[in-house]
Amino acid sequence: MLPLAPNPGPSDSPDIYVTPDVTANCKVDALCQQVFDWTNNQWLANSSYVIIVKPLRIIGIILVALLIRWLIHRAIDRLTHSTSRASMPALLKPLKERVSANAEEGQFIPERRRQRAEAIGSVLRSFVSAVVFTMAFLLVFGELGFNLGPLLASAGIVGVALGFGAQSLVKDLIAGLFMLLEDQYGVGDTVDVGEATGVVETVGLRITQIRDGRGVLWYIRNGEIVRVGNKSQGWAMVVIDIPIGFVSSEEAIAVLRNAAEAVASQSEHQTDFLEPPDVVGVEQLTVDGAVIRTIAKTTADGQIPVQRDLRRALTESLETSGLSERIAASRLLPRGAVPPMYFQNSGIDQTRGGTA
């Protein structure tokens, strides 16, 4: 008895097309079965995954990305905005803040903190948006069936090209970010950045605005700032040199010391002096006589008013003590260019124009 040949299936014959059993295929897919029951359409039932599931997944990815971005941005905004005008935003509390002891009383400190917190918050929001939307973009393309390998390689090449083409912009942004994190300077600080010296009015990630003593507003790119001299952080030193001619240096030092101590004892300067002022003595000798130096360690905000009051008090003390007249007399006293011993030894008469 010969064995019967097996009946070839639909896939064994390339010339015969057999319509798949939709009902059998949809038994494992509830959505396919439901669509087939509703429409009794074979094509719609087979395409239900592509027509319904994939768009819903893409929409879900976009909605979840928007929700995550909104929640993180809301958290950053809550950390950035302080509850009161003078309080420190929660975003800045882990960072170091270089301000003087009486910084809470300054009018620029709240504005400085606000701009610093908003700039850092703007960077964080931009970073979060870029990361969230990039991940959502990749997930959506994965759902559409794209090969992400070449896409990621192309994005890397484009990023490198943009980095080379916008080096100055990236340099400015990175320099501004580190400047804000380290609190090198802020709104209201008096700074010296080389080309411009003045008061900082606005601090941004790319540009810093400085108003100099003549009212000129300078726009300086953060990446071009090589060094910064901040005159408003910590303490300051007042140095005043006063020439006293050829009068007694001990007498002048005593008069100047009493005047400096009187300025330090004034009520409006109680918080300006960090240490009592000191008259250190003769600083240098010139053809016009000795120069006495007075120093005082003050707060950064009190440096200028203390310097002005000290100068006024020191000059007035020399005037009231009578030393100023003696100083002027010693400067105006005619002195010959040749020592007197030369005339005595040579026999020349000085009163007759140098004739013998």
Protein backbone atom coordinates (compact mmCIF):
# COMPACT_ATOMS: atom_id res chain seq x y z
CA MET A 1 0.00 0.00 0.00
CA LEU A 2 1.44 3.26 -1.10
CA PRO A 3 1.44 6.19 1.35
CA LEU A 4 -0.64 9.13 0.32
CA ALA A 5 1.18 12.35 -0.45
CA PRO A 6 0.48 15.14 2.02
CA ASN A 7 -1.92 17.78 0.92
CA PRO A 8 0.16 20.91 0.20
CA GLY A 9 -0.84 23.94 2.23
CA PRO A 10 -1.53 27.37 0.86
CA SER A 11 2.05 28.49 1.51
CA ASP A 12 3.56 25.56 -0.43
CA SER A 13 2.18 26.77 -3.77
CA PRO A 14 3.25 30.27 -4.80
CA ASP A 15 0.59 30.42 -7.49
CA ILE A 16 -2.35 29.92 -5.16
CA TYR A 17 -3.44 32.80 -2.83
CA VAL A 18 -5.50 31.79 0.13
CA THR A 19 -7.39 34.43 2.07
CA PRO A 20 -6.45 34.25 5.75
CA ASP A 21 -9.10 33.41 8.23
CA VAL A 22 -9.74 36.73 9.95
CA THR A 23 -11.84 35.15 12.64
CA ALA A 24 -9.04 32.75 13.53
CA ASN A 25 -6.40 35.50 13.54
CA CYS A 26 -8.49 37.80 15.66
CA LYS A 27 -9.06 35.24 18.37
CA VAL A 28 -5.84 36.33 20.08
CA ASP A 29 -6.48 40.05 19.53
CA ALA A 30 -9.54 41.49 21.21
CA LEU A 31 -9.34 44.76 19.30
CA CYS A 32 -9.16 42.98 15.94
CA GLN A 33 -12.13 40.80 16.83
CA GLN A 34 -14.10 43.82 18.01
CA VAL A 35 -13.44 45.78 14.81
CA PHE A 36 -14.39 42.77 12.71
CA ASP A 37 -17.62 42.35 14.68
CA TRP A 38 -18.48 46.05 14.23
CA THR A 39 -17.62 46.44 10.55
CA ASN A 40 -17.48 42.88 9.21
CA ASN A 41 -14.57 44.20 7.14
CA GLN A 42 -11.50 42.04 6.74
CA TRP A 43 -9.11 44.92 5.87
CA LEU A 44 -10.19 47.10 8.79
CA ALA A 45 -9.86 44.18 11.18
CA ASN A 46 -6.35 43.34 10.00
CA SER A 47 -5.29 47.03 10.04
CA SER A 48 -6.82 47.85 13.41
CA TYR A 49 -3.38 47.88 15.09
CA VAL A 50 -1.95 50.36 12.58
CA ILE A 51 -5.03 52.56 12.32
CA ILE A 52 -6.05 52.68 15.97
CA VAL A 53 -3.34 51.42 18.32
CA LYS A 54 -0.31 53.20 16.84
CA PRO A 55 -1.94 56.68 16.62
CA LEU A 56 -3.23 56.28 20.17
CA ARG A 57 0.26 55.32 21.35
CA ILE A 58 1.81 58.32 19.57
CA ILE A 59 -0.80 60.67 21.05
CA GLY A 60 -0.22 59.12 24.48
CA ILE A 61 3.56 59.63 24.18
CA ILE A 62 3.08 63.31 23.26
CA LEU A 63 0.59 63.91 26.07
CA VAL A 64 2.81 62.22 28.66
CA ALA A 65 5.81 64.26 27.46
CA LEU A 66 3.83 67.49 27.77
CA LEU A 67 2.60 66.50 31.23
CA ILE A 68 6.12 65.64 32.46
CA ARG A 69 7.50 68.89 31.06
CA TRP A 70 4.72 70.93 32.70
CA LEU A 71 5.23 69.27 36.08
CA ILE A 72 9.01 69.80 36.05
CA HIS A 73 8.66 73.41 34.86
CA ARG A 74 6.15 74.06 37.63
CA ALA A 75 8.58 72.67 40.21
CA ILE A 76 11.39 74.85 38.83
CA ASP A 77 9.16 77.94 38.94
CA ARG A 78 8.27 77.23 42.57
CA LEU A 79 11.97 76.95 43.40
CA THR A 80 12.80 80.12 41.45
CA HIS A 81 10.18 82.51 42.80
CA SER A 82 10.60 83.45 46.45
CA THR A 83 7.69 83.95 48.81
CA SER A 84 8.72 87.53 49.67
CA ARG A 85 10.76 90.23 47.96
CA ALA A 86 13.82 90.02 50.21
CA SER A 87 13.87 86.28 50.89
CA MET A 88 16.21 83.93 49.04
CA PRO A 89 14.65 81.64 46.39
CA ALA A 90 14.87 77.96 47.26
CA LEU A 91 16.85 77.32 44.06
CA LEU A 92 19.74 79.47 45.34
CA LYS A 93 19.93 78.08 48.88
CA PRO A 94 22.32 75.21 48.01
CA LEU A 95 24.57 77.68 46.12
CA LYS A 96 27.08 80.03 47.68
CA GLU A 97 26.16 83.70 47.79
CA ARG A 98 28.89 86.31 48.10
CA VAL A 99 27.27 89.33 49.73
CA SER A 100 28.25 91.61 52.56
CA ALA A 101 26.96 91.33 56.10
CA ASN A 102 24.37 94.07 55.64
CA ALA A 103 23.27 92.83 52.22
CA GLU A 104 19.62 92.45 53.26
CA GLU A 105 19.40 96.22 53.66
CA GLY A 106 20.66 96.92 50.14
CA GLN A 107 18.19 97.81 47.42
CA PHE A 108 19.94 95.72 44.76
CA ILE A 109 20.11 92.39 46.63
CA PRO A 110 16.49 91.24 45.97
CA GLU A 111 16.86 92.17 42.29
CA ARG A 112 20.21 90.40 42.16
CA ARG A 113 18.74 87.23 43.62
CA ARG A 114 15.72 87.40 41.33
CA GLN A 115 17.79 87.71 38.16
CA ARG A 116 20.22 85.04 39.28
CA ALA A 117 17.42 82.59 40.12
CA GLU A 118 15.52 83.32 36.89
CA ALA A 119 18.62 82.84 34.76
CA ILE A 120 19.43 79.49 36.38
CA GLY A 121 15.76 78.48 36.17
CA SER A 122 15.69 79.37 32.46
CA VAL A 123 18.66 77.10 31.84
CA LEU A 124 17.02 74.25 33.77
CA ARG A 125 13.71 74.67 31.92
CA SER A 126 15.44 74.66 28.54
CA PHE A 127 17.43 71.57 29.48
CA VAL A 128 14.32 69.72 30.69
CA SER A 129 12.38 70.64 27.54
CA ALA A 130 15.21 69.44 25.31
CA VAL A 131 15.56 66.11 27.11
CA VAL A 132 11.82 65.37 27.36
CA PHE A 133 11.00 66.27 23.75
CA THR A 134 14.05 64.41 22.44
CA MET A 135 12.94 61.22 24.22
CA ALA A 136 9.37 61.68 22.97
CA PHE A 137 10.64 62.28 19.44
CA LEU A 138 12.65 59.06 19.49
CA LEU A 139 9.73 57.05 20.89
CA VAL A 140 7.36 58.39 18.22
CA PHE A 141 9.78 57.52 15.43
CA GLY A 142 10.19 54.08 16.94
CA GLU A 143 6.43 53.59 16.82
CA LEU A 144 6.42 54.62 13.16
CA GLY A 145 8.96 51.92 12.38
CA PHE A 146 12.01 54.08 11.63
CA ASN A 147 15.50 52.76 12.25
CA LEU A 148 16.85 55.00 15.02
CA GLY A 149 20.52 54.14 14.46
CA PRO A 150 21.11 56.30 11.36
CA LEU A 151 18.87 58.99 12.83
CA LEU A 152 20.95 59.25 16.00
CA ALA A 153 24.17 59.28 13.97
CA SER A 154 22.84 62.13 11.80
CA ALA A 155 21.74 64.08 14.87
CA GLY A 156 25.22 63.70 16.34
CA ILE A 157 26.84 65.04 13.16
CA VAL A 158 24.45 68.00 13.07
CA GLY A 159 25.16 68.73 16.73
CA VAL A 160 28.91 68.73 16.15
CA ALA A 161 28.49 71.06 13.14
CA LEU A 162 26.33 73.46 15.15
CA GLY A 163 28.85 73.34 18.00
CA PHE A 164 31.70 74.38 15.69
CA GLY A 165 29.61 77.04 14.01
CA ALA A 166 28.35 78.62 17.26
CA GLN A 167 31.45 78.36 19.43
CA SER A 168 31.23 81.95 20.65
CA LEU A 169 27.57 81.56 21.60
CA VAL A 170 28.21 78.32 23.48
CA LYS A 171 31.21 79.93 25.18
CA ASP A 172 29.10 82.89 26.32
CA LEU A 173 26.34 80.64 27.65
CA ILE A 174 28.71 78.36 29.57
CA ALA A 175 30.63 81.32 31.02
CA GLY A 176 27.37 83.00 32.07
CA LEU A 177 26.12 79.80 33.70
CA PHE A 178 29.26 79.33 35.78
CA MET A 179 29.25 83.02 36.66
CA LEU A 180 25.73 82.65 38.07
CA LEU A 181 26.49 79.40 39.88
CA GLU A 182 29.63 80.85 41.50
CA ASP A 183 28.01 84.27 42.13
CA GLN A 184 31.01 86.15 40.80
CA TYR A 185 28.99 89.37 40.56
CA GLY A 186 25.37 90.44 40.54
CA VAL A 187 23.01 93.37 40.12
CA GLY A 188 24.25 96.39 42.08
CA ASP A 189 27.88 95.28 42.33
CA THR A 190 30.64 97.67 41.30
CA VAL A 191 32.95 95.67 39.05
CA ASP A 192 36.02 96.18 36.89
CA VAL A 193 36.05 93.92 33.82
CA GLY A 194 38.90 95.64 32.01
CA GLU A 195 37.24 97.72 29.31
CA ALA A 196 34.40 98.90 31.54
CA THR A 197 34.16 99.78 35.22
CA GLY A 198 30.84 100.55 36.84
CA VAL A 199 27.67 99.20 38.42
CA VAL A 200 26.08 95.98 37.13
CA GLU A 201 22.51 96.64 36.00
CA THR A 202 21.52 93.36 34.31
CA VAL A 203 22.97 89.86 34.42
CA GLY A 204 22.10 87.29 31.75
CA LEU A 205 23.45 84.03 30.41
CA ARG A 206 25.00 85.71 27.37
CA ILE A 207 25.22 89.45 28.10
CA THR A 208 26.08 91.52 31.18
CA GLN A 209 25.11 95.22 31.26
CA ILE A 210 27.37 97.63 33.18
CA ARG A 211 26.76 101.36 33.70
CA ASP A 212 30.01 103.28 34.13
CA GLY A 213 30.60 106.53 36.02
CA ARG A 214 29.75 108.69 32.99
CA GLY A 215 26.41 106.99 32.39
CA VAL A 216 27.51 104.84 29.44
CA LEU A 217 25.77 101.46 29.36
CA TRP A 218 28.16 98.68 28.33
CA TYR A 219 26.95 95.37 26.86
CA ILE A 220 29.64 92.78 27.55
CA ARG A 221 29.54 89.15 26.39
CA ASN A 222 30.20 86.77 29.25
CA GLY A 223 32.59 84.70 27.18
CA GLU A 224 34.82 87.75 26.62
CA ILE A 225 35.25 88.51 30.33
CA VAL A 226 38.67 87.18 31.27
CA ARG A 227 38.91 88.60 34.77
CA VAL A 228 36.53 90.45 37.09
CA GLY A 229 37.39 92.79 39.93
CA ASN A 230 34.37 92.98 42.26
CA LYS A 231 34.50 96.00 44.55
CA SER A 232 31.26 95.13 46.36
CA GLN A 233 32.00 91.73 47.89
CA GLY A 234 33.28 91.36 51.42
CA TRP A 235 35.23 94.25 52.89
CA ALA A 236 37.11 97.23 51.45
CA MET A 237 40.12 99.28 52.46
CA VAL A 238 40.28 103.08 52.57
CA VAL A 239 43.79 104.49 52.02
CA ILE A 240 44.41 108.24 52.31
CA ASP A 241 47.85 109.84 51.85
CA ILE A 242 48.27 113.42 53.09
CA PRO A 243 51.49 115.44 52.54
CA ILE A 244 52.56 117.39 55.61
CA GLY A 245 55.61 119.18 54.25
CA PHE A 246 58.51 119.52 56.68
CA VAL A 247 56.50 119.95 59.89
CA SER A 248 56.88 117.55 62.82
CA SER A 249 55.59 114.13 61.73
CA GLU A 250 54.76 113.11 65.33
CA GLU A 251 52.59 116.15 65.82
CA ALA A 252 50.83 115.62 62.50
CA ILE A 253 50.23 111.91 63.23
CA ALA A 254 48.63 112.76 66.60
CA VAL A 255 46.31 115.32 65.02
CA LEU A 256 45.28 112.99 62.18
CA ARG A 257 44.69 110.04 64.53
CA ASN A 258 42.32 112.08 66.70
CA ALA A 259 40.37 113.17 63.61
CA ALA A 260 40.10 109.60 62.28
CA GLU A 261 38.86 108.32 65.64
CA ALA A 262 36.26 111.08 65.74
CA VAL A 263 34.89 109.99 62.35
CA ALA A 264 34.71 106.35 63.48
CA SER A 265 32.72 107.35 66.56
CA GLN A 266 29.99 109.07 64.54
CA SER A 267 26.60 107.36 64.62
CA GLU A 268 26.17 107.23 60.83
CA HIS A 269 29.40 105.22 60.54
CA GLN A 270 28.87 102.72 63.35
CA THR A 271 28.32 99.82 60.94
CA ASP A 272 30.73 101.00 58.24
CA PHE A 273 34.01 100.46 60.10
CA LEU A 274 35.09 96.84 60.50
CA GLU A 275 38.25 97.89 62.37
CA PRO A 276 39.24 101.20 64.02
CA PRO A 277 41.03 103.53 61.60
CA ASP A 278 44.79 103.80 61.97
CA VAL A 279 47.41 106.39 61.04
CA VAL A 280 50.32 104.16 60.08
CA GLY A 281 52.88 106.97 59.86
CA VAL A 282 55.22 108.32 57.21
CA GLU A 283 54.60 106.46 53.95
CA GLN A 284 57.15 108.21 51.73
CA LEU A 285 59.43 111.24 51.45
CA THR A 286 59.30 113.64 48.52
CA VAL A 287 60.90 116.99 47.63
CA ASP A 288 57.89 118.63 49.26
CA GLY A 289 58.30 116.74 52.54
CA ALA A 290 56.78 113.71 54.23
CA VAL A 291 53.52 111.93 53.32
CA ILE A 292 51.37 110.45 56.12
CA ARG A 293 49.13 107.45 55.36
CA THR A 294 45.79 106.74 57.06
CA ILE A 295 43.99 103.41 56.54
CA ALA A 296 40.57 102.10 57.54
CA LYS A 297 38.92 98.71 56.94
CA THR A 298 35.25 99.20 56.02
CA THR A 299 32.34 97.40 54.45
CA ALA A 300 32.08 97.39 50.67
CA ASP A 301 29.01 99.64 50.70
CA GLY A 302 30.53 102.07 53.19
CA GLN A 303 33.87 102.56 51.47
CA ILE A 304 33.00 105.69 49.48
CA PRO A 305 31.17 107.66 52.23
CA VAL A 306 33.82 106.76 54.79
CA GLN A 307 36.59 107.83 52.42
CA ARG A 308 34.92 111.20 51.79
CA ASP A 309 34.28 111.89 55.48
CA LEU A 310 37.80 110.87 56.45
CA ARG A 311 39.35 113.19 53.88
CA ARG A 312 37.20 116.07 55.06
CA ALA A 313 37.93 115.43 58.73
CA LEU A 314 41.69 115.02 58.20
CA THR A 315 42.03 118.25 56.23
CA GLU A 316 39.89 120.17 58.74
CA SER A 317 41.99 118.84 61.63
CA LEU A 318 45.16 120.15 59.99
CA GLU A 319 43.45 123.50 59.50
CA THR A 320 42.18 123.86 63.07
CA SER A 321 45.45 122.74 64.62
CA GLY A 322 47.44 125.35 62.67
CA LEU A 323 49.57 122.75 60.90
CA SER A 324 48.24 123.72 57.46
CA GLU A 325 49.81 127.19 57.70
CA ARG A 326 53.13 125.73 58.72
CA ILE A 327 52.88 123.19 55.89
CA ALA A 328 52.26 125.99 53.38
CA ALA A 329 55.09 128.05 54.81
CA SER A 330 57.53 125.16 54.54
CA ARG A 331 56.57 124.68 50.91
CA LEU A 332 56.84 128.38 50.00
CA LEU A 333 60.11 128.97 51.84
CA PRO A 334 62.70 129.83 49.14
CA ARG A 335 65.58 127.43 49.09
CA GLY A 336 68.62 127.82 46.90
CA ALA A 337 69.66 125.14 44.47
CA VAL A 338 73.26 125.26 45.86
CA PRO A 339 73.99 124.51 49.52
CA PRO A 340 74.83 127.62 51.65
CA MET A 341 78.22 126.15 52.62
CA TYR A 342 79.25 126.49 48.98
CA PHE A 343 78.77 130.28 49.06
CA GLN A 344 80.63 130.66 52.39
CA ASN A 345 83.64 128.75 51.12
CA SER A 346 83.73 130.46 47.70
CA GLY A 347 83.21 134.03 48.98
CA ILE A 348 80.31 134.73 46.57
CA ASP A 349 77.74 137.29 47.72
CA GLN A 350 74.26 135.74 47.32
CA THR A 351 72.45 139.08 47.70
CA ARG A 352 74.22 140.66 44.72
CA GLY A 353 73.21 138.17 42.10
CA GLY A 354 76.25 135.94 42.53
CA THR A 355 79.05 138.55 41.91
CA ALA A 356 82.13 138.55 44.05
